[in-house]
Amino acid sequence: MASLGTVLVTGSSGRIGKVVLALLSKSGRCTPRATARDLAKTDGLKALGAAEVVAFDLKDKNTWEGAVTGVSAVFSASLDPLISEHMEFAAFLGSKKEQIKHVVRISCFGADTNTNSYDKDTHVTCEGAQIPLMLQHYWWSEECLVKAGLPTTSVRGNFFMNHLLKNELENIKEHGFFQSPLGNCRNSFVCTNDMAEAAVTCLLEGPEKHANKFYDITGPQPQSMHEVAADLSKALGKTIEYRPQDIEQFKADFGPTRAEFFEYLRNGFYTRCSPDFYNITGHKGTSYAEYLSTKGPHGETGLEELFSSAGAIFTKGVDQFKDLANVQKM
């Protein structure tokens, strides 16, 4: 099959980006170009499969031109607090749409207004409240690419499995329990390996098949936190207890913006299992038990990842989203 040329992988050190690099390299169909704010990561990124590593920082526009030189397709992923910078970068990519033939964006379903008719002022369950700001921004992150005239595919994930328990490591290791406000509500948490596989399949099959497509990627089985605890206990070979956490305490730990999003994980909005992953890849997605025990293309099991520094992006007592309400759509 024909080569895709050079594919830029933003967020290369992130949980999905690492797997994207590995899968693109394995395909032999392109030159995977990794990005890094710190080029000291070069050897690690090349070990994952990057053919090239370039300096790139959404906060530093001076790095943008060099990163996209010669690129024909872009895998786009960025942290939630960088929505403003991402929208500016999307406009920059749009200025090169004769060169860039396809962008695959990592997102989250829940506030999109192209495929659905969400009203941002109407929360699913909380009277008088808006749709969570994080979800509105996920749609903005897609919309800006579409408005820039770029052939866009959005891979909209459910809540990531690797984020479920990252803030509870001390309790798990030292005390044999974890806390979460999600309770008995079952959610079809998604494995980030599956997010990467869906994204890479879309890149390899190209915009002819996947441009202007918006896929909801979920796990194959909705689970409560009690069931998550049972899977974790089996993987660790010891009993780990789930203890319900008051949502007000969670809000105090992580701020109101993240707590608003978690309300959607408590009210059944993310319970359903989507067929989109199967329709893209031809096989069922990864269960939480499989995620914990099976090595991904990047070489780690979910259990190893849980106890590593990877994906540790939230800190108790720090509200990463306190300024997001001030962000304006471009």
Protein backbone atom coordinates (compact mmCIF):
# COMPACT_ATOMS: atom_id res chain seq x y z
CA MET A 1 0.00 0.00 0.00
CA ALA A 2 1.11 3.56 -0.63
CA SER A 3 3.12 5.50 1.93
CA LEU A 4 1.34 8.25 3.83
CA GLY A 5 4.51 10.32 4.04
CA THR A 6 5.30 11.99 7.36
CA VAL A 7 2.71 11.87 10.14
CA LEU A 8 3.11 14.35 13.00
CA VAL A 9 2.21 12.87 16.39
CA THR A 10 1.47 15.60 18.91
CA GLY A 11 1.27 14.52 22.55
CA SER A 12 3.84 11.83 21.75
CA SER A 13 4.74 11.25 25.39
CA GLY A 14 1.10 10.98 26.39
CA ARG A 15 -0.75 7.78 27.07
CA ILE A 16 -2.36 7.61 23.63
CA GLY A 17 0.48 9.22 21.69
CA LYS A 18 2.96 6.55 22.78
CA VAL A 19 0.76 3.80 21.36
CA VAL A 20 0.10 5.80 18.18
CA LEU A 21 3.86 5.98 17.59
CA ALA A 22 4.28 2.25 18.14
CA LEU A 23 1.40 1.32 15.83
CA LEU A 24 2.37 3.73 13.05
CA SER A 25 5.93 2.39 13.14
CA LYS A 26 4.70 -1.20 13.03
CA SER A 27 2.52 -0.44 10.01
CA GLY A 28 5.51 0.52 7.84
CA ARG A 29 3.20 2.90 5.97
CA CYS A 30 4.59 6.26 7.08
CA THR A 31 7.37 8.20 8.76
CA PRO A 32 6.18 8.80 12.34
CA ARG A 33 7.40 12.19 13.58
CA ALA A 34 7.23 12.52 17.36
CA THR A 35 7.03 15.82 19.20
CA ALA A 36 8.58 16.81 22.51
CA ARG A 37 8.88 19.96 24.56
CA ASP A 38 12.14 18.51 25.89
CA LEU A 39 14.35 16.82 23.30
CA ALA A 40 15.96 14.82 26.11
CA LYS A 41 13.03 12.47 25.48
CA THR A 42 14.32 11.68 21.98
CA ASP A 43 15.78 8.25 22.74
CA GLY A 44 12.65 7.10 24.54
CA LEU A 45 10.40 8.26 21.70
CA LYS A 46 12.59 6.57 19.10
CA ALA A 47 12.44 3.37 21.13
CA LEU A 48 8.65 3.53 20.81
CA GLY A 49 8.90 3.82 17.03
CA ALA A 50 9.47 7.47 16.14
CA ALA A 51 11.58 7.90 13.01
CA GLU A 52 12.05 11.59 13.78
CA VAL A 53 11.69 13.72 16.91
CA VAL A 54 11.12 17.48 16.72
CA ALA A 55 10.73 20.22 19.29
CA PHE A 56 7.10 21.25 19.66
CA ASP A 57 5.21 23.16 22.31
CA LEU A 58 1.65 24.45 21.95
CA LYS A 59 2.68 27.38 24.12
CA ASP A 60 5.61 28.30 21.86
CA LYS A 61 4.52 29.29 18.34
CA ASN A 62 8.17 29.40 17.27
CA THR A 63 8.18 25.58 17.33
CA TRP A 64 5.14 25.11 15.10
CA GLU A 65 6.57 25.71 11.64
CA GLY A 66 9.46 23.31 12.01
CA ALA A 67 7.21 20.62 13.46
CA VAL A 68 4.82 20.58 10.49
CA THR A 69 7.35 21.00 7.65
CA GLY A 70 6.78 18.18 5.18
CA VAL A 71 3.89 16.68 7.17
CA SER A 72 0.92 15.19 5.34
CA ALA A 73 -1.21 14.11 8.33
CA VAL A 74 -1.49 15.02 12.01
CA PHE A 75 -2.46 13.07 15.10
CA SER A 76 -3.78 15.77 17.44
CA ALA A 77 -3.96 15.39 21.22
CA SER A 78 -3.52 17.97 23.97
CA LEU A 79 -4.27 18.46 27.66
CA ASP A 80 -7.60 20.05 28.60
CA PRO A 81 -6.11 23.29 30.02
CA LEU A 82 -4.43 23.98 26.64
CA ILE A 83 -7.69 24.43 24.71
CA SER A 84 -6.90 28.05 23.81
CA GLU A 85 -3.46 27.15 22.45
CA HIS A 86 -4.92 24.18 20.55
CA MET A 87 -7.47 26.42 18.81
CA GLU A 88 -4.67 28.74 17.70
CA PHE A 89 -2.67 25.76 16.43
CA ALA A 90 -5.72 24.53 14.49
CA ALA A 91 -5.90 27.88 12.71
CA PHE A 92 -2.18 27.56 11.94
CA LEU A 93 -2.74 24.09 10.47
CA GLY A 94 -5.61 25.49 8.44
CA SER A 95 -3.19 27.89 6.77
CA LYS A 96 -1.43 24.77 5.42
CA LYS A 97 -4.45 22.77 4.33
CA GLU A 98 -3.01 22.26 0.83
CA GLN A 99 -0.21 20.31 2.52
CA ILE A 100 -2.01 18.63 5.43
CA LYS A 101 -4.50 16.12 4.09
CA HIS A 102 -5.91 14.69 7.33
CA VAL A 103 -6.12 15.47 11.05
CA VAL A 104 -7.23 12.85 13.59
CA ARG A 105 -8.21 14.48 16.87
CA ILE A 106 -8.59 12.86 20.29
CA SER A 107 -11.72 14.13 22.02
CA CYS A 108 -14.62 13.13 24.28
CA PHE A 109 -18.29 12.77 23.46
CA GLY A 110 -20.90 14.83 25.26
CA ALA A 111 -21.18 18.40 23.97
CA ASP A 112 -20.78 18.07 20.22
CA THR A 113 -23.31 19.98 18.16
CA ASN A 114 -22.52 18.69 14.66
CA THR A 115 -23.65 15.09 15.18
CA ASN A 116 -26.05 15.83 18.05
CA SER A 117 -28.20 18.70 19.30
CA TYR A 118 -26.78 19.41 22.73
CA ASP A 119 -27.78 22.70 24.31
CA LYS A 120 -24.85 23.94 26.36
CA ASP A 121 -27.25 25.49 28.89
CA THR A 122 -29.04 22.20 29.61
CA HIS A 123 -27.34 19.73 31.94
CA VAL A 124 -28.61 16.16 31.70
CA THR A 125 -29.60 15.87 35.36
CA CYS A 126 -28.86 19.11 37.21
CA GLU A 127 -31.68 21.63 36.89
CA GLY A 128 -30.48 25.09 35.87
CA ALA A 129 -26.89 23.94 35.18
CA GLN A 130 -24.92 23.95 31.93
CA ILE A 131 -23.30 21.00 30.22
CA PRO A 132 -19.90 20.58 31.93
CA LEU A 133 -17.39 23.12 30.63
CA MET A 134 -14.85 20.39 29.87
CA LEU A 135 -17.30 18.76 27.47
CA GLN A 136 -18.03 22.07 25.75
CA HIS A 137 -14.31 22.54 25.23
CA TYR A 138 -13.90 19.06 23.76
CA TRP A 139 -16.33 20.07 21.04
CA TRP A 140 -14.47 23.36 20.52
CA SER A 141 -11.29 21.32 20.02
CA GLU A 142 -12.92 19.53 17.08
CA GLU A 143 -14.89 22.46 15.70
CA CYS A 144 -11.80 24.65 15.26
CA LEU A 145 -10.21 22.03 12.99
CA VAL A 146 -13.38 21.72 10.91
CA LYS A 147 -13.70 25.50 10.60
CA ALA A 148 -10.07 25.68 9.50
CA GLY A 149 -11.04 23.62 6.46
CA LEU A 150 -9.04 20.54 7.47
CA PRO A 151 -10.29 17.00 6.70
CA THR A 152 -10.97 15.97 10.29
CA THR A 153 -11.70 12.72 12.09
CA SER A 154 -12.61 12.87 15.77
CA VAL A 155 -12.01 9.92 18.09
CA ARG A 156 -14.31 10.70 21.02
CA GLY A 157 -13.48 8.59 24.04
CA ASN A 158 -15.28 7.71 27.22
CA PHE A 159 -13.41 8.24 30.52
CA PHE A 160 -9.93 6.67 30.29
CA MET A 161 -9.22 3.53 32.32
CA ASN A 162 -5.74 4.76 33.19
CA HIS A 163 -7.16 7.89 34.87
CA LEU A 164 -9.58 6.00 37.10
CA LEU A 165 -7.32 5.38 40.08
CA LYS A 166 -4.18 7.47 39.53
CA ASN A 167 -4.91 9.72 42.50
CA GLU A 168 -5.50 6.79 44.82
CA LEU A 169 -2.15 5.01 44.61
CA GLU A 170 -1.17 5.64 48.22
CA ASN A 171 -4.46 4.29 49.52
CA ILE A 172 -4.22 1.25 47.23
CA LYS A 173 -0.61 0.44 48.16
CA GLU A 174 -0.67 1.30 51.86
CA HIS A 175 -4.26 0.74 52.96
CA GLY A 176 -5.92 -1.64 50.51
CA PHE A 177 -8.74 0.65 49.33
CA PHE A 178 -9.52 3.48 46.94
CA GLN A 179 -12.11 6.24 46.89
CA SER A 180 -14.17 7.69 44.06
CA PRO A 181 -17.48 9.54 43.81
CA LEU A 182 -18.72 7.31 40.94
CA GLY A 183 -20.41 4.73 43.17
CA ASN A 184 -22.77 2.17 41.67
CA CYS A 185 -23.25 3.89 38.33
CA ARG A 186 -21.77 1.74 35.57
CA ASN A 187 -19.60 3.41 32.94
CA SER A 188 -18.04 1.92 29.82
CA PHE A 189 -14.52 3.16 30.62
CA VAL A 190 -12.21 3.08 27.59
CA CYS A 191 -8.71 1.68 27.23
CA THR A 192 -6.36 4.25 25.72
CA ASN A 193 -4.72 1.48 23.66
CA ASP A 194 -8.07 1.22 21.87
CA MET A 195 -8.23 4.98 21.38
CA ALA A 196 -4.81 4.82 19.73
CA GLU A 197 -5.72 1.84 17.55
CA ALA A 198 -8.86 3.58 16.32
CA ALA A 199 -6.90 6.75 15.57
CA VAL A 200 -4.13 4.92 13.72
CA THR A 201 -6.62 2.89 11.67
CA CYS A 202 -8.26 6.15 10.60
CA LEU A 203 -4.88 7.65 9.68
CA LEU A 204 -3.82 4.59 7.68
CA GLU A 205 -7.15 4.29 5.86
CA GLY A 206 -7.09 8.00 5.19
CA PRO A 207 -9.47 10.90 4.78
CA GLU A 208 -11.18 9.24 1.82
CA LYS A 209 -12.82 6.89 4.33
CA HIS A 210 -12.69 8.81 7.61
CA ALA A 211 -12.80 12.57 6.93
CA ASN A 212 -15.81 14.25 8.52
CA LYS A 213 -16.37 11.19 10.72
CA PHE A 214 -16.88 11.41 14.49
CA TYR A 215 -16.51 8.16 16.42
CA ASP A 216 -17.55 7.39 20.03
CA ILE A 217 -15.04 4.93 21.49
CA THR A 218 -15.98 3.10 24.69
CA GLY A 219 -15.07 -0.03 26.55
CA PRO A 220 -17.03 -3.23 25.83
CA GLN A 221 -18.56 -3.46 29.30
CA PRO A 222 -20.06 -0.88 31.69
CA GLN A 223 -18.70 -1.34 35.21
CA SER A 224 -19.33 0.11 38.65
CA MET A 225 -16.44 1.02 40.91
CA HIS A 226 -17.17 -2.07 43.00
CA GLU A 227 -16.59 -4.15 39.86
CA VAL A 228 -13.44 -2.17 39.07
CA ALA A 229 -12.22 -3.01 42.58
CA ALA A 230 -12.88 -6.71 41.97
CA ASP A 231 -10.83 -6.67 38.74
CA LEU A 232 -8.00 -4.77 40.43
CA SER A 233 -8.03 -7.19 43.36
CA LYS A 234 -7.67 -10.15 41.01
CA ALA A 235 -4.83 -8.48 39.09
CA LEU A 236 -2.95 -7.63 42.30
CA GLY A 237 -3.66 -10.93 44.04
CA LYS A 238 -5.04 -9.18 47.11
CA THR A 239 -8.31 -7.58 48.12
CA ILE A 240 -8.76 -3.90 47.25
CA GLU A 241 -11.90 -2.28 48.65
CA TYR A 242 -13.90 0.45 46.98
CA ARG A 243 -15.11 3.19 49.34
CA PRO A 244 -17.61 5.76 48.03
CA GLN A 245 -16.45 9.37 48.17
CA ASP A 246 -18.69 12.38 48.71
CA ILE A 247 -18.84 14.49 45.54
CA GLU A 248 -18.35 17.66 47.62
CA GLN A 249 -15.04 16.28 48.89
CA PHE A 250 -14.06 15.43 45.32
CA LYS A 251 -14.90 19.02 44.33
CA ALA A 252 -12.72 20.31 47.17
CA ASP A 253 -9.86 18.07 45.99
CA PHE A 254 -9.96 18.84 42.27
CA GLY A 255 -12.18 21.87 41.72
CA PRO A 256 -15.72 22.45 40.43
CA THR A 257 -14.95 22.07 36.72
CA ARG A 258 -13.71 18.48 37.05
CA ALA A 259 -16.51 17.71 39.53
CA GLU A 260 -19.09 18.90 36.97
CA PHE A 261 -17.68 16.42 34.47
CA PHE A 262 -17.75 13.62 37.05
CA GLU A 263 -21.47 14.27 37.55
CA TYR A 264 -21.92 12.88 34.04
CA LEU A 265 -20.09 9.75 35.17
CA ARG A 266 -22.52 9.49 38.08
CA ASN A 267 -25.79 9.92 36.19
CA GLY A 268 -25.55 7.23 33.48
CA PHE A 269 -24.56 9.46 30.56
CA TYR A 270 -21.44 7.35 29.92
CA THR A 271 -22.99 3.93 30.53
CA ARG A 272 -23.66 2.93 26.94
CA CYS A 273 -21.26 0.83 24.87
CA SER A 274 -20.66 2.14 21.36
CA PRO A 275 -20.08 -0.17 18.35
CA ASP A 276 -17.74 2.35 16.69
CA PHE A 277 -14.47 0.71 17.79
CA TYR A 278 -15.62 -2.62 16.37
CA ASN A 279 -16.78 -0.97 13.16
CA ILE A 280 -13.38 0.71 12.70
CA THR A 281 -11.09 -2.16 13.71
CA GLY A 282 -13.19 -5.32 13.29
CA HIS A 283 -12.85 -6.50 16.88
CA LYS A 284 -14.21 -5.81 20.34
CA GLY A 285 -12.57 -3.30 22.65
CA THR A 286 -10.47 -3.99 25.75
CA SER A 287 -12.10 -4.71 29.10
CA TYR A 288 -10.70 -3.29 32.34
CA ALA A 289 -9.47 -6.73 33.42
CA GLU A 290 -7.70 -7.16 30.07
CA TYR A 291 -6.23 -3.68 30.29
CA LEU A 292 -4.72 -4.43 33.70
CA SER A 293 -3.14 -7.73 32.64
CA THR A 294 -2.18 -7.32 28.95
CA LYS A 295 0.83 -5.46 27.58
CA GLY A 296 -0.07 -2.72 25.12
CA PRO A 297 1.89 -1.92 21.96
CA HIS A 298 4.06 0.44 24.05
CA GLY A 299 5.17 -2.48 26.25
CA GLU A 300 3.31 -1.89 29.53
CA THR A 301 0.34 -3.53 31.18
CA GLY A 302 -2.33 -1.37 32.74
CA LEU A 303 -1.22 -2.54 36.16
CA GLU A 304 2.36 -1.45 35.48
CA GLU A 305 1.06 1.84 34.19
CA LEU A 306 -1.10 2.38 37.27
CA PHE A 307 1.97 2.35 39.50
CA SER A 308 4.17 4.37 37.11
CA SER A 309 4.34 8.14 36.68
CA ALA A 310 2.54 7.94 33.30
CA GLY A 311 -0.82 9.68 33.22
CA ALA A 312 -0.42 11.31 36.64
CA ILE A 313 -1.83 14.65 35.51
CA PHE A 314 -4.13 15.55 38.42
CA THR A 315 -3.04 16.54 41.92
CA LYS A 316 -5.29 16.76 44.95
CA GLY A 317 -5.66 20.35 46.06
CA VAL A 318 -4.84 21.73 42.60
CA ASP A 319 -7.63 23.00 40.34
CA GLN A 320 -6.12 22.74 36.85
CA PHE A 321 -9.26 24.18 35.29
CA LYS A 322 -9.84 27.28 37.42
CA ASP A 323 -9.19 29.63 34.48
CA LEU A 324 -11.01 27.70 31.74
CA ALA A 325 -14.22 29.68 32.09
CA ASN A 326 -12.31 32.71 30.77
CA VAL A 327 -11.37 30.99 27.50
CA GLN A 328 -13.18 32.37 24.45
CA LYS A 329 -14.04 30.33 21.38
CA MET A 330 -12.04 31.42 18.33
